[in-house]
């Protein structure tokens, strides 16, 4: 039987680590090693972890705790766990989420059945009013146009994917340190290197949207890092767009750039920045508009002040008058 390594970075999750860890420990598939990476969490998360792994039913489980010397972020914690893993397959899991009892079994059966590089399962959302991930309707092997999937329907997340460790290491697919939204760049690299993956129609992962998580924080402390990460993401991915590609992929790429630029700019309108700081980020986004064509190209080159008039003022008046 193949050994699967579940890697769980831990930082400030005392309110949910118990449920998360228990869901991982009680899998129908048994050949699992658990690598828990303590990213210098300042709360009592690790005390809860220690209490759980000392329970009688967990005594025989292969559990390793890695204590990092200093807090270094999710990307580094995942990379450290990956390099320490002994398993043939890797499964990343966030410490505030849960997985179904048959999660690993379903992923492993699918990836072995199709000899795929990785698998991707359906996700259920807790704490949000809609599912941000387009569900897979059936088990299906994708053997061509893998990169097209990234811009179309792949779930852009580092978790809920079972991946061959040899594939990750041989292609050097690591999470970029010091970057927010690191999953977006990592998934792009994953798709670019892959020759096949398989979709799983079952909800194998329960994603918790928590107040105070990276995805919900919008205060000044994180704002500059958020937008710097957006620029870094665009720069890293659009570099690849200059390579010869199919007409279909070019269309998907341009659609992605256009959508991403619009999302970043609308977020900038409400960011805790001065007008000069907002203009700075707008100027840094202009070069990416040059990769677009037609109306979108000129629209995305619009200066900050004009963009603000067109989108912010009508939205402000609507909120005030409704």
Protein backbone atom coordinates (compact mmCIF):
# COMPACT_ATOMS: atom_id res chain seq x y z
CA UNK A 1 0.00 0.00 0.00
CA UNK A 2 1.22 3.48 -0.85
CA UNK A 3 2.16 5.82 1.99
CA UNK A 4 0.40 9.19 1.99
CA UNK A 5 1.82 12.21 3.84
CA UNK A 6 -0.72 14.72 5.16
CA UNK A 7 1.01 18.04 5.85
CA UNK A 8 -0.72 20.49 8.22
CA UNK A 9 0.90 23.86 9.07
CA UNK A 10 -0.32 25.21 12.42
CA UNK A 11 -0.59 28.87 13.40
CA UNK A 12 -3.23 30.60 15.55
CA UNK A 13 -5.97 27.97 15.16
CA UNK A 14 -6.79 27.09 18.77
CA UNK A 15 -10.51 27.49 18.07
CA UNK A 16 -10.62 24.91 15.28
CA UNK A 17 -7.48 22.72 15.28
CA UNK A 18 -9.17 19.95 17.27
CA UNK A 19 -11.90 19.29 14.69
CA UNK A 20 -9.47 19.71 11.83
CA UNK A 21 -6.89 17.28 13.19
CA UNK A 22 -9.49 14.73 14.23
CA UNK A 23 -10.90 14.65 10.68
CA UNK A 24 -7.41 13.90 9.36
CA UNK A 25 -6.62 11.25 11.96
CA UNK A 26 -9.83 9.28 11.38
CA UNK A 27 -9.43 8.35 7.73
CA UNK A 28 -10.73 5.15 6.15
CA UNK A 29 -7.31 4.76 4.51
CA UNK A 30 -4.70 3.74 7.07
CA UNK A 31 -1.25 4.10 5.46
CA UNK A 32 -0.83 7.77 6.38
CA UNK A 33 1.93 9.76 8.05
CA UNK A 34 0.96 13.08 9.62
CA UNK A 35 3.40 15.98 9.53
CA UNK A 36 2.29 18.84 11.77
CA UNK A 37 4.37 21.98 11.26
CA UNK A 38 4.30 24.35 14.23
CA UNK A 39 4.95 27.77 12.69
CA UNK A 40 5.67 29.29 16.12
CA UNK A 41 1.99 29.68 16.92
CA UNK A 42 1.58 32.10 19.88
CA UNK A 43 -1.65 30.54 21.18
CA UNK A 44 -2.33 27.13 22.75
CA UNK A 45 -2.88 25.32 19.42
CA UNK A 46 0.03 22.94 20.07
CA UNK A 47 -1.24 22.07 23.55
CA UNK A 48 -4.50 20.96 21.94
CA UNK A 49 -2.57 19.00 19.32
CA UNK A 50 -0.45 17.24 21.95
CA UNK A 51 -3.55 16.29 23.91
CA UNK A 52 -5.19 14.77 20.82
CA UNK A 53 -2.23 12.73 19.63
CA UNK A 54 -1.79 11.26 23.12
CA UNK A 55 -5.27 9.77 23.00
CA UNK A 56 -5.29 5.99 23.04
CA UNK A 57 -6.81 5.60 19.56
CA UNK A 58 -4.00 7.69 18.05
CA UNK A 59 -1.09 5.96 19.78
CA UNK A 60 -0.17 3.79 16.80
CA UNK A 61 -0.41 6.55 14.20
CA UNK A 62 2.68 7.92 12.47
CA UNK A 63 2.67 11.54 13.68
CA UNK A 64 5.60 13.95 13.46
CA UNK A 65 5.67 17.47 14.89
CA UNK A 66 8.14 19.91 13.32
CA UNK A 67 8.77 23.02 15.42
CA UNK A 68 10.08 25.92 13.32
CA UNK A 69 12.62 28.25 14.92
CA UNK A 70 10.62 31.34 13.94
CA UNK A 71 7.32 32.21 12.31
CA UNK A 72 7.92 32.14 8.57
CA UNK A 73 4.49 31.88 6.98
CA UNK A 74 2.33 29.25 5.33
CA UNK A 75 4.50 28.78 2.23
CA UNK A 76 7.64 27.93 4.17
CA UNK A 77 5.74 25.68 6.59
CA UNK A 78 4.34 23.68 3.69
CA UNK A 79 7.74 23.43 2.01
CA UNK A 80 9.38 22.24 5.24
CA UNK A 81 6.70 19.61 5.68
CA UNK A 82 7.07 18.49 2.07
CA UNK A 83 10.83 17.98 2.34
CA UNK A 84 10.41 16.00 5.57
CA UNK A 85 7.67 13.75 4.15
CA UNK A 86 8.37 10.07 3.53
CA UNK A 87 5.17 9.37 1.61
CA UNK A 88 4.84 8.55 -2.08
CA UNK A 89 1.92 10.99 -2.19
CA UNK A 90 1.48 14.42 -0.60
CA UNK A 91 -1.74 16.01 0.67
CA UNK A 92 -1.68 19.59 1.98
CA UNK A 93 -4.35 20.55 4.49
CA UNK A 94 -4.98 23.83 6.31
CA UNK A 95 -5.42 23.59 10.07
CA UNK A 96 -8.80 25.33 10.18
CA UNK A 97 -10.43 23.02 7.60
CA UNK A 98 -11.71 19.45 7.70
CA UNK A 99 -11.62 16.49 5.31
CA UNK A 100 -14.19 13.74 4.78
CA UNK A 101 -13.55 10.34 6.34
CA UNK A 102 -12.89 8.78 2.90
CA UNK A 103 -10.97 11.76 1.52
CA UNK A 104 -7.55 10.14 1.13
CA UNK A 105 -9.05 6.84 -0.04
CA UNK A 106 -11.01 8.56 -2.83
CA UNK A 107 -8.04 10.65 -3.96
CA UNK A 108 -5.61 7.74 -3.92
CA UNK A 109 -7.94 5.38 -5.80
CA UNK A 110 -8.53 7.99 -8.48
CA UNK A 111 -4.90 9.02 -8.97
CA UNK A 112 -3.74 5.39 -9.15
CA UNK A 113 -6.59 4.38 -11.45
CA UNK A 114 -5.56 6.96 -14.04
CA UNK A 115 -1.81 7.13 -13.25
CA UNK A 116 -2.24 10.89 -12.89
CA UNK A 117 0.21 13.44 -11.52
CA UNK A 118 -2.37 14.79 -9.10
CA UNK A 119 -6.05 14.69 -8.15
CA UNK A 120 -8.48 17.49 -7.30
CA UNK A 121 -11.72 17.01 -5.35
CA UNK A 122 -14.86 18.99 -4.69
CA UNK A 123 -15.08 21.47 -1.82
CA UNK A 124 -17.86 22.50 0.56
CA UNK A 125 -17.79 25.99 2.08
CA UNK A 126 -18.47 26.83 5.73
CA UNK A 127 -18.84 30.49 6.70
CA UNK A 128 -19.65 31.77 3.22
CA UNK A 129 -22.92 32.20 1.38
CA UNK A 130 -21.82 30.60 -1.89
CA UNK A 131 -19.36 28.05 -3.19
CA UNK A 132 -16.47 29.84 -4.87
CA UNK A 133 -15.29 26.60 -6.48
CA UNK A 134 -17.01 25.30 -9.60
CA UNK A 135 -17.96 21.68 -8.71
CA UNK A 136 -16.76 18.69 -10.68
CA UNK A 137 -19.69 16.59 -11.92
CA UNK A 138 -17.84 13.30 -12.44
CA UNK A 139 -14.54 11.50 -12.06
CA UNK A 140 -12.58 12.43 -15.14
CA UNK A 141 -8.97 12.20 -16.27
CA UNK A 142 -7.61 15.34 -17.95
CA UNK A 143 -4.73 14.35 -20.23
CA UNK A 144 -4.29 17.37 -22.46
CA UNK A 145 -4.56 21.15 -22.31
CA UNK A 146 -3.74 21.01 -18.61
CA UNK A 147 -2.74 24.67 -18.47
CA UNK A 148 -6.10 25.61 -19.98
CA UNK A 149 -7.69 24.14 -16.84
CA UNK A 150 -5.94 26.69 -14.66
CA UNK A 151 -7.74 29.56 -16.39
CA UNK A 152 -11.02 27.72 -16.69
CA UNK A 153 -12.22 25.35 -13.96
CA UNK A 154 -9.38 23.98 -11.80
CA UNK A 155 -9.79 24.69 -8.07
CA UNK A 156 -7.00 27.18 -7.39
CA UNK A 157 -5.85 26.04 -3.96
CA UNK A 158 -2.89 24.15 -2.53
CA UNK A 159 -5.06 21.91 -0.36
CA UNK A 160 -7.42 19.05 -1.34
CA UNK A 161 -5.04 17.75 -3.98
CA UNK A 162 -3.18 14.46 -3.75
CA UNK A 163 0.13 14.80 -5.59
CA UNK A 164 2.98 12.44 -6.32
CA UNK A 165 5.96 13.64 -4.27
CA UNK A 166 8.41 12.66 -7.01
CA UNK A 167 6.49 14.89 -9.42
CA UNK A 168 6.71 17.88 -7.06
CA UNK A 169 10.42 17.43 -6.41
CA UNK A 170 11.47 16.74 -10.00
CA UNK A 171 9.65 19.87 -11.20
CA UNK A 172 10.64 21.98 -8.16
CA UNK A 173 7.05 23.02 -7.44
CA UNK A 174 7.42 24.81 -4.13
CA UNK A 175 5.35 27.54 -2.47
CA UNK A 176 6.89 30.99 -2.82
CA UNK A 177 7.94 32.40 0.55
CA UNK A 178 6.71 35.76 1.79
CA UNK A 179 3.81 35.92 -0.65
CA UNK A 180 0.07 36.05 -0.03
CA UNK A 181 -2.21 34.13 -2.42
CA UNK A 182 0.71 31.76 -2.95
CA UNK A 183 -1.68 29.01 -4.05
CA UNK A 184 -2.43 30.86 -7.29
CA UNK A 185 1.19 30.81 -8.44
CA UNK A 186 1.79 27.30 -7.10
CA UNK A 187 -1.25 25.91 -8.96
CA UNK A 188 -0.06 27.55 -12.16
CA UNK A 189 3.33 25.86 -11.83
CA UNK A 190 1.57 22.58 -11.04
CA UNK A 191 -0.55 22.75 -14.19
CA UNK A 192 2.33 23.86 -16.38
CA UNK A 193 4.42 20.84 -15.38
CA UNK A 194 1.62 18.27 -15.35
CA UNK A 195 0.65 15.89 -18.14
CA UNK A 196 -2.48 14.56 -16.41
CA UNK A 197 -4.74 14.99 -13.42
CA UNK A 198 -8.05 13.53 -12.30
CA UNK A 199 -11.17 15.24 -10.90
CA UNK A 200 -13.20 13.78 -8.01
CA UNK A 201 -16.93 14.60 -7.78
CA UNK A 202 -17.19 13.93 -4.03
CA UNK A 203 -16.89 16.72 -1.45
CA UNK A 204 -13.64 15.61 0.13
CA UNK A 205 -12.72 18.94 1.76
CA UNK A 206 -14.57 21.38 4.00
CA UNK A 207 -13.18 24.90 3.66
CA UNK A 208 -13.78 27.25 6.58
CA UNK A 209 -13.95 30.99 5.92
CA UNK A 210 -12.87 32.50 9.23
CA UNK A 211 -12.99 36.10 10.40
CA UNK A 212 -9.37 37.16 10.73
CA UNK A 213 -8.00 34.74 8.13
CA UNK A 214 -5.79 35.98 5.29
CA UNK A 215 -8.70 35.83 2.88
CA UNK A 216 -10.82 38.13 5.03
CA UNK A 217 -8.26 40.59 6.37
CA UNK A 218 -8.37 44.07 4.81
CA UNK A 219 -6.65 46.21 7.44
CA UNK A 220 -3.63 48.41 6.79
CA UNK A 221 -1.20 45.86 8.24
CA UNK A 222 -1.83 43.46 5.38
CA UNK A 223 -2.90 45.81 2.60
CA UNK A 224 0.53 46.60 1.15
CA UNK A 225 1.55 42.95 1.29
CA UNK A 226 -1.69 41.98 -0.44
CA UNK A 227 -1.17 44.29 -3.39
CA UNK A 228 2.56 43.61 -3.61
CA UNK A 229 1.66 39.92 -3.82
CA UNK A 230 -0.85 40.64 -6.58
CA UNK A 231 1.86 42.42 -8.59
CA UNK A 232 4.27 39.55 -7.97
CA UNK A 233 1.65 37.02 -9.07
CA UNK A 234 0.88 38.91 -12.28
CA UNK A 235 4.57 39.34 -13.06
CA UNK A 236 5.37 35.66 -12.49
CA UNK A 237 2.46 34.26 -14.47
CA UNK A 238 2.34 36.74 -17.37
CA UNK A 239 6.01 36.08 -18.09
CA UNK A 240 4.85 32.66 -19.30
CA UNK A 241 2.24 34.21 -21.61
CA UNK A 242 4.96 35.32 -24.00
CA UNK A 243 5.72 31.72 -24.90
CA UNK A 244 4.03 30.35 -28.07
CA UNK A 245 0.60 28.97 -27.19
CA UNK A 246 -2.62 27.89 -28.87
CA UNK A 247 -5.30 30.42 -29.85
CA UNK A 248 -7.61 28.87 -27.24
CA UNK A 249 -5.04 29.25 -24.46
CA UNK A 250 -4.21 32.82 -25.50
CA UNK A 251 -7.89 33.71 -25.20
CA UNK A 252 -8.11 32.16 -21.71
CA UNK A 253 -4.92 33.92 -20.65
CA UNK A 254 -6.16 37.33 -21.77
CA UNK A 255 -9.49 36.78 -20.06
CA UNK A 256 -7.64 35.91 -16.84
CA UNK A 257 -5.44 39.02 -17.03
CA UNK A 258 -8.42 41.26 -17.70
CA UNK A 259 -10.45 39.76 -14.83
CA UNK A 260 -7.52 39.83 -12.41
CA UNK A 261 -6.67 43.46 -13.20
CA UNK A 262 -10.28 44.47 -12.64
CA UNK A 263 -10.44 42.63 -9.29
CA UNK A 264 -7.20 44.25 -8.09
CA UNK A 265 -8.30 47.74 -9.15
CA UNK A 266 -11.72 47.52 -7.52
CA UNK A 267 -10.08 46.29 -4.30
CA UNK A 268 -7.67 49.22 -4.48
CA UNK A 269 -10.58 51.66 -4.39
CA UNK A 270 -11.43 50.49 -0.87
CA UNK A 271 -7.88 49.85 0.33
CA UNK A 272 -6.58 51.87 3.34
CA UNK A 273 -4.14 53.83 1.15
CA UNK A 274 -3.65 57.47 0.26
CA UNK A 275 -4.54 58.56 -3.28
CA UNK A 276 -0.84 58.65 -4.13
CA UNK A 277 -0.36 55.07 -2.98
CA UNK A 278 -3.35 53.95 -5.02
CA UNK A 279 -1.99 55.76 -8.08
CA UNK A 280 1.36 54.02 -7.51
CA UNK A 281 -0.25 50.58 -7.72
CA UNK A 282 -2.34 51.60 -10.74
CA UNK A 283 0.81 52.70 -12.58
CA UNK A 284 2.44 49.35 -11.81
CA UNK A 285 -0.56 47.53 -13.30
CA UNK A 286 -0.44 49.34 -16.66
CA UNK A 287 2.28 47.14 -18.26
CA UNK A 288 0.07 44.07 -17.83
CA UNK A 289 -2.68 45.77 -19.84
CA UNK A 290 -0.30 45.73 -22.80
CA UNK A 291 -0.83 41.96 -23.07
CA UNK A 292 -4.52 42.50 -23.82
CA UNK A 293 -6.19 43.35 -27.12
CA UNK A 294 -8.96 45.65 -28.34
CA UNK A 295 -11.25 47.48 -25.95
CA UNK A 296 -9.93 45.67 -22.85
CA UNK A 297 -6.41 46.93 -23.53
CA UNK A 298 -7.45 50.59 -23.49
CA UNK A 299 -9.88 50.10 -20.62
CA UNK A 300 -7.18 48.59 -18.37
CA UNK A 301 -4.81 51.46 -19.19
CA UNK A 302 -7.32 53.90 -17.69
CA UNK A 303 -5.69 56.16 -15.05
CA UNK A 304 -6.70 55.87 -11.41
CA UNK A 305 -8.71 59.10 -11.25
CA UNK A 306 -10.89 58.17 -14.22
CA UNK A 307 -11.38 54.62 -12.96
CA UNK A 308 -12.45 56.01 -9.58
CA UNK A 309 -15.04 58.32 -11.18
CA UNK A 310 -16.52 55.55 -13.33
CA UNK A 311 -16.69 52.84 -10.66
CA UNK A 312 -16.41 54.30 -7.19
CA UNK A 313 -18.71 57.33 -7.22
CA UNK A 314 -21.80 55.57 -8.70
CA UNK A 315 -21.27 52.71 -6.25
CA UNK A 316 -20.95 55.18 -3.34
CA UNK A 317 -24.13 57.03 -4.33
CA UNK A 318 -26.03 53.76 -4.71
CA UNK A 319 -25.06 52.69 -1.16
CA UNK A 320 -26.08 56.06 0.25
CA UNK A 321 -29.43 56.36 -1.53
CA UNK A 322 -30.75 52.82 -1.34
